[in-house]
Amino acid sequence: MEGTTASRPIAIVTGAGKRGAIGAAICRALAAGGHDLLFTHWRAADEEMGWGSDPDGPAALAEELRALGARAEELSVDQSRPEAAGAIVAACVDLLGTPRVLINNAAYSTHSPWETLDAATLDAHYAVNVRGMALLSVAFATAWPGGEGGRIVNLTSGQSQGPMPGELAYVASKGAVEAFTLSFSAAVAARGITVNAVNPGPTDSGWMTDEVKEALRPKFGLGRIGLPADVARLVAFLASKEAGWMTGQVIHSEGGFLRS
């Protein structure tokens, strides 16, 4: 643990509404490592993306985190709305205190073949994956009082590693996350904030069918499909004091995944 309840660092984790997904795993890892947490969720987006929602997930996850010794609060918020960023940081400050860690995990993703790609699809991905992430990063950095220890970790999906032709709007938005990570890390370094991104590769977070798993498993050099806990451990490290000399990096943690 990193200290007593009163001195525990505070983290914001977005997109943690489903207990079996990456956001929830990150919350558990941070809580176990001594953080208090505010996590966000938006059920309508989960249902729209078609991977299933977890209506009881937020309340149950909050209780899990409290059982680990963390103060934990959850917030239902639509990150496609421009005012969401300020509302998230304000809620965190009001309920827990000034956050030291921001994990931009929330994402919007639908299949968009090039033949049907349109402005509405592009805008929906941009609103959450780029604008929502960028505005929340700025709101977090503005609230940070300065000094060493601020941490931002963005989640991306390996767009620079190989093509994803069936998800053009998603890859365009997540490619922007990688570019933003590098430039924002330089912008806020003087405030004592590190900014990194993690690509977890294909992860069994609830969207994989049995057929998808069978097709993907032979492509992993380490012999198994990635799990939410795998990326959570890396994110927790990047949020720690030990990662204080690492910034502006995009880390591909994929278990030796081969795209050929």
Protein backbone atom coordinates (compact mmCIF):
# COMPACT_ATOMS: atom_id res chain seq x y z
CA MET A 1 0.00 0.00 0.00
CA GLU A 2 1.18 3.53 -0.72
CA GLY A 3 0.01 5.05 2.53
CA THR A 4 -2.88 5.49 4.93
CA THR A 5 -6.43 6.13 3.78
CA ALA A 6 -5.90 9.87 4.17
CA SER A 7 -2.77 9.91 2.03
CA ARG A 8 -3.73 7.42 -0.67
CA PRO A 9 -3.31 8.80 -4.20
CA ILE A 10 -6.51 9.28 -6.17
CA ALA A 11 -7.12 7.92 -9.66
CA ILE A 12 -9.78 8.51 -12.31
CA VAL A 13 -10.48 5.53 -14.58
CA THR A 14 -12.92 6.01 -17.46
CA GLY A 15 -14.99 3.29 -19.09
CA ALA A 16 -15.16 0.83 -16.19
CA GLY A 17 -18.81 -0.17 -16.26
CA LYS A 18 -18.38 -3.88 -17.00
CA ARG A 19 -16.80 -6.17 -14.43
CA GLY A 20 -15.10 -8.44 -16.99
CA ALA A 21 -13.53 -5.68 -19.07
CA ILE A 22 -10.24 -3.80 -19.03
CA GLY A 23 -11.42 -0.73 -17.11
CA ALA A 24 -12.60 -2.79 -14.14
CA ALA A 25 -9.34 -4.76 -14.09
CA ILE A 26 -7.39 -1.49 -14.02
CA CYS A 27 -9.50 -0.26 -11.10
CA ARG A 28 -8.77 -3.47 -9.16
CA ALA A 29 -5.03 -3.22 -9.81
CA LEU A 30 -4.90 0.42 -8.74
CA ALA A 31 -6.98 -0.22 -5.62
CA ALA A 32 -4.75 -3.13 -4.65
CA GLY A 33 -1.75 -0.83 -5.16
CA GLY A 34 -3.06 1.77 -2.75
CA HIS A 35 -5.20 4.14 -4.83
CA ASP A 36 -8.63 5.57 -4.16
CA LEU A 37 -10.77 5.69 -7.29
CA LEU A 38 -13.45 7.49 -9.20
CA PHE A 39 -14.47 5.41 -12.20
CA THR A 40 -16.90 6.33 -14.97
CA HIS A 41 -19.32 4.33 -17.07
CA TRP A 42 -22.07 4.91 -19.64
CA ARG A 43 -24.54 2.08 -20.11
CA ALA A 44 -26.09 3.43 -23.31
CA ALA A 45 -22.75 3.24 -25.11
CA ASP A 46 -22.14 -0.32 -23.92
CA GLU A 47 -25.51 -1.36 -25.29
CA GLU A 48 -25.04 0.50 -28.57
CA MET A 49 -21.72 -1.17 -29.31
CA GLY A 50 -23.38 -4.57 -29.07
CA TRP A 51 -20.95 -6.33 -26.72
CA GLY A 52 -23.42 -6.42 -23.86
CA SER A 53 -23.80 -4.25 -20.81
CA ASP A 54 -23.48 -5.03 -17.11
CA PRO A 55 -26.26 -3.10 -15.34
CA ASP A 56 -25.13 -4.17 -11.88
CA GLY A 57 -21.44 -3.75 -12.72
CA PRO A 58 -20.70 -0.25 -11.42
CA ALA A 59 -22.21 -0.78 -7.97
CA ALA A 60 -20.63 -4.23 -7.65
CA LEU A 61 -17.22 -2.97 -8.76
CA ALA A 62 -17.35 -0.11 -6.28
CA GLU A 63 -17.98 -2.63 -3.49
CA GLU A 64 -15.07 -4.78 -4.71
CA LEU A 65 -12.74 -1.79 -4.57
CA ARG A 66 -13.91 -0.83 -1.10
CA ALA A 67 -13.22 -4.38 0.03
CA LEU A 68 -9.64 -3.83 -1.15
CA GLY A 69 -9.38 -0.85 1.19
CA ALA A 70 -10.01 1.91 -1.35
CA ARG A 71 -12.43 4.76 -1.23
CA ALA A 72 -14.39 4.23 -4.44
CA GLU A 73 -16.97 6.31 -6.26
CA GLU A 74 -18.68 5.71 -9.61
CA LEU A 75 -20.06 8.24 -12.06
CA SER A 76 -22.41 7.68 -14.99
CA VAL A 77 -21.35 10.15 -17.69
CA ASP A 78 -21.55 10.45 -21.47
CA GLN A 79 -18.02 11.30 -22.59
CA SER A 80 -19.21 12.27 -26.04
CA ARG A 81 -20.47 15.51 -24.49
CA PRO A 82 -17.92 18.37 -24.34
CA GLU A 83 -18.80 19.28 -20.77
CA ALA A 84 -18.12 15.74 -19.49
CA ALA A 85 -14.40 16.34 -18.87
CA GLY A 86 -14.91 19.17 -16.45
CA ALA A 87 -17.73 17.32 -14.71
CA ILE A 88 -15.57 14.21 -14.16
CA VAL A 89 -12.68 16.12 -12.61
CA ALA A 90 -15.03 18.26 -10.51
CA ALA A 91 -16.80 15.15 -9.20
CA CYS A 92 -13.49 13.56 -8.30
CA VAL A 93 -12.27 16.63 -6.42
CA ASP A 94 -15.60 16.93 -4.60
CA LEU A 95 -15.95 13.27 -3.64
CA LEU A 96 -12.34 12.18 -3.08
CA GLY A 97 -9.86 15.01 -3.68
CA THR A 98 -7.46 16.10 -6.42
CA PRO A 99 -6.58 13.17 -8.70
CA ARG A 100 -2.97 12.15 -9.21
CA VAL A 101 -3.70 9.55 -11.92
CA LEU A 102 -5.90 9.60 -15.02
CA ILE A 103 -6.54 6.46 -17.05
CA ASN A 104 -8.27 7.25 -20.37
CA ASN A 105 -9.80 3.84 -21.02
CA ALA A 106 -13.31 4.72 -22.26
CA ALA A 107 -13.75 4.04 -25.96
CA TYR A 108 -16.41 3.96 -28.64
CA SER A 109 -16.02 1.27 -31.28
CA THR A 110 -18.16 -0.01 -34.14
CA HIS A 111 -17.33 -1.78 -37.38
CA SER A 112 -17.14 0.65 -40.30
CA PRO A 113 -16.23 -0.86 -43.70
CA TRP A 114 -15.00 1.76 -46.12
CA GLU A 115 -18.08 1.39 -48.32
CA THR A 116 -20.40 2.61 -45.55
CA LEU A 117 -18.11 5.00 -43.69
CA ASP A 118 -19.87 8.33 -43.18
CA ALA A 119 -19.52 11.57 -41.23
CA ALA A 120 -21.79 10.46 -38.39
CA THR A 121 -19.70 7.35 -37.75
CA LEU A 122 -16.45 9.30 -37.79
CA ASP A 123 -17.88 11.98 -35.49
CA ALA A 124 -19.17 9.43 -32.96
CA HIS A 125 -15.72 7.87 -32.65
CA TYR A 126 -13.96 11.23 -32.53
CA ALA A 127 -16.24 12.59 -29.81
CA VAL A 128 -15.28 9.92 -27.26
CA ASN A 129 -11.92 8.54 -28.35
CA VAL A 130 -10.20 11.81 -29.26
CA ARG A 131 -12.10 14.85 -28.00
CA GLY A 132 -13.25 13.22 -24.76
CA MET A 133 -9.76 11.89 -24.03
CA ALA A 134 -8.04 15.19 -24.87
CA LEU A 135 -10.41 17.41 -22.91
CA LEU A 136 -10.24 15.16 -19.86
CA SER A 137 -6.44 15.13 -20.06
CA VAL A 138 -6.43 18.94 -20.13
CA ALA A 139 -8.90 19.17 -17.23
CA PHE A 140 -6.78 16.75 -15.20
CA ALA A 141 -3.55 18.64 -15.93
CA THR A 142 -5.21 21.94 -15.06
CA ALA A 143 -6.37 20.58 -11.69
CA TRP A 144 -2.94 19.07 -10.91
CA PRO A 145 -1.15 21.47 -8.53
CA GLY A 146 2.27 20.85 -10.05
CA GLY A 147 5.21 18.83 -8.82
CA GLU A 148 6.27 15.29 -9.54
CA GLY A 149 3.82 12.43 -9.54
CA GLY A 150 1.06 13.24 -12.03
CA ARG A 151 0.23 10.33 -14.33
CA ILE A 152 -1.87 9.99 -17.49
CA VAL A 153 -2.20 6.63 -19.25
CA ASN A 154 -4.15 6.37 -22.51
CA LEU A 155 -5.42 3.12 -23.98
CA THR A 156 -4.87 2.54 -27.68
CA SER A 157 -5.17 -0.50 -29.95
CA GLY A 158 -2.04 -0.98 -32.03
CA GLN A 159 -3.06 0.95 -35.12
CA SER A 160 0.60 1.57 -35.94
CA GLN A 161 1.31 -2.17 -35.81
CA GLY A 162 -0.93 -3.32 -38.65
CA PRO A 163 -4.15 -2.65 -40.59
CA MET A 164 -7.67 -3.01 -39.22
CA PRO A 165 -9.67 -2.49 -42.43
CA GLY A 166 -13.06 -3.24 -40.88
CA GLU A 167 -12.80 -0.55 -38.20
CA LEU A 168 -11.71 2.56 -40.07
CA ALA A 169 -13.35 5.16 -37.84
CA TYR A 170 -11.98 3.44 -34.74
CA VAL A 171 -8.43 3.19 -36.05
CA ALA A 172 -8.45 6.83 -37.16
CA SER A 173 -9.48 7.94 -33.68
CA LYS A 174 -7.10 5.64 -31.81
CA GLY A 175 -4.23 6.61 -34.10
CA ALA A 176 -4.89 10.16 -32.95
CA VAL A 177 -4.56 9.00 -29.33
CA GLU A 178 -1.00 7.82 -30.02
CA ALA A 179 -0.10 11.16 -31.63
CA PHE A 180 -1.71 13.13 -28.80
CA THR A 181 0.18 11.10 -26.19
CA LEU A 182 3.58 12.13 -27.51
CA SER A 183 2.81 15.83 -27.90
CA PHE A 184 0.84 16.19 -24.67
CA SER A 185 3.64 14.51 -22.74
CA ALA A 186 5.94 17.34 -23.84
CA ALA A 187 3.32 19.97 -23.07
CA VAL A 188 2.79 18.95 -19.43
CA ALA A 189 6.21 17.58 -18.47
CA ALA A 190 7.09 20.79 -16.67
CA ARG A 191 4.05 20.31 -14.43
CA GLY A 192 5.39 16.93 -13.29
CA ILE A 193 2.93 14.84 -15.29
CA THR A 194 3.95 11.82 -17.36
CA VAL A 195 1.79 10.76 -20.32
CA ASN A 196 2.02 7.31 -21.86
CA ALA A 197 -0.18 4.97 -23.88
CA VAL A 198 -0.70 1.22 -23.75
CA ASN A 199 -1.78 -1.09 -26.56
CA PRO A 200 -2.89 -4.37 -24.94
CA GLY A 201 -3.46 -6.21 -28.23
CA PRO A 202 -6.51 -8.45 -28.64
CA THR A 203 -7.85 -8.95 -25.12
CA ASP A 204 -10.58 -11.29 -23.93
CA SER A 205 -12.67 -8.61 -22.27
CA GLY A 206 -16.11 -9.91 -23.22
CA TRP A 207 -16.30 -9.28 -26.96
CA MET A 208 -14.63 -12.47 -28.22
CA THR A 209 -16.74 -15.37 -29.47
CA ASP A 210 -15.39 -18.91 -29.28
CA GLU A 211 -14.66 -18.73 -33.00
CA VAL A 212 -12.66 -15.52 -32.58
CA LYS A 213 -10.67 -17.05 -29.74
CA GLU A 214 -9.80 -20.12 -31.77
CA ALA A 215 -8.67 -17.96 -34.70
CA LEU A 216 -6.56 -15.64 -32.54
CA ARG A 217 -4.93 -18.07 -30.08
CA PRO A 218 -2.29 -19.44 -32.50
CA LYS A 219 -1.18 -15.87 -33.26
CA PHE A 220 0.02 -15.25 -29.70
CA GLY A 221 3.67 -16.15 -29.30
CA LEU A 222 3.19 -16.71 -25.57
CA GLY A 223 0.49 -19.28 -26.20
CA ARG A 224 -2.65 -17.67 -24.84
CA ILE A 225 -5.03 -14.76 -25.45
CA GLY A 226 -4.48 -11.57 -23.47
CA LEU A 227 -6.58 -10.98 -20.35
CA PRO A 228 -7.71 -7.70 -18.78
CA ALA A 229 -5.42 -8.36 -15.82
CA ASP A 230 -2.41 -8.33 -18.17
CA VAL A 231 -2.95 -4.74 -19.27
CA ALA A 232 -4.03 -3.73 -15.77
CA ARG A 233 -0.63 -4.68 -14.33
CA LEU A 234 1.18 -2.55 -16.89
CA VAL A 235 -1.13 0.42 -16.39
CA ALA A 236 -0.66 0.18 -12.63
CA PHE A 237 3.11 0.30 -13.12
CA LEU A 238 2.86 3.38 -15.35
CA ALA A 239 0.75 5.02 -12.64
CA SER A 240 3.36 4.30 -9.98
CA LYS A 241 6.30 6.30 -8.65
CA GLU A 242 8.67 3.77 -10.23
CA ALA A 243 7.56 4.86 -13.73
CA GLY A 244 8.42 8.51 -13.13
CA TRP A 245 11.15 8.62 -15.80
CA MET A 246 8.94 7.22 -18.56
CA THR A 247 6.83 9.57 -20.67
CA GLY A 248 5.71 10.04 -24.26
CA GLN A 249 5.77 6.29 -24.92
CA VAL A 250 3.34 3.95 -26.66
CA ILE A 251 3.89 0.49 -25.19
CA HIS A 252 2.75 -2.54 -27.16
CA SER A 253 2.05 -5.27 -24.61
CA GLU A 254 0.58 -8.00 -26.80
CA GLY A 255 2.05 -11.35 -25.75
CA GLY A 256 3.98 -11.70 -29.00
CA PHE A 257 0.86 -11.28 -31.16
CA LEU A 258 1.57 -11.87 -34.87
CA ARG A 259 -0.56 -10.06 -37.44
CA SER A 260 0.55 -12.02 -40.49
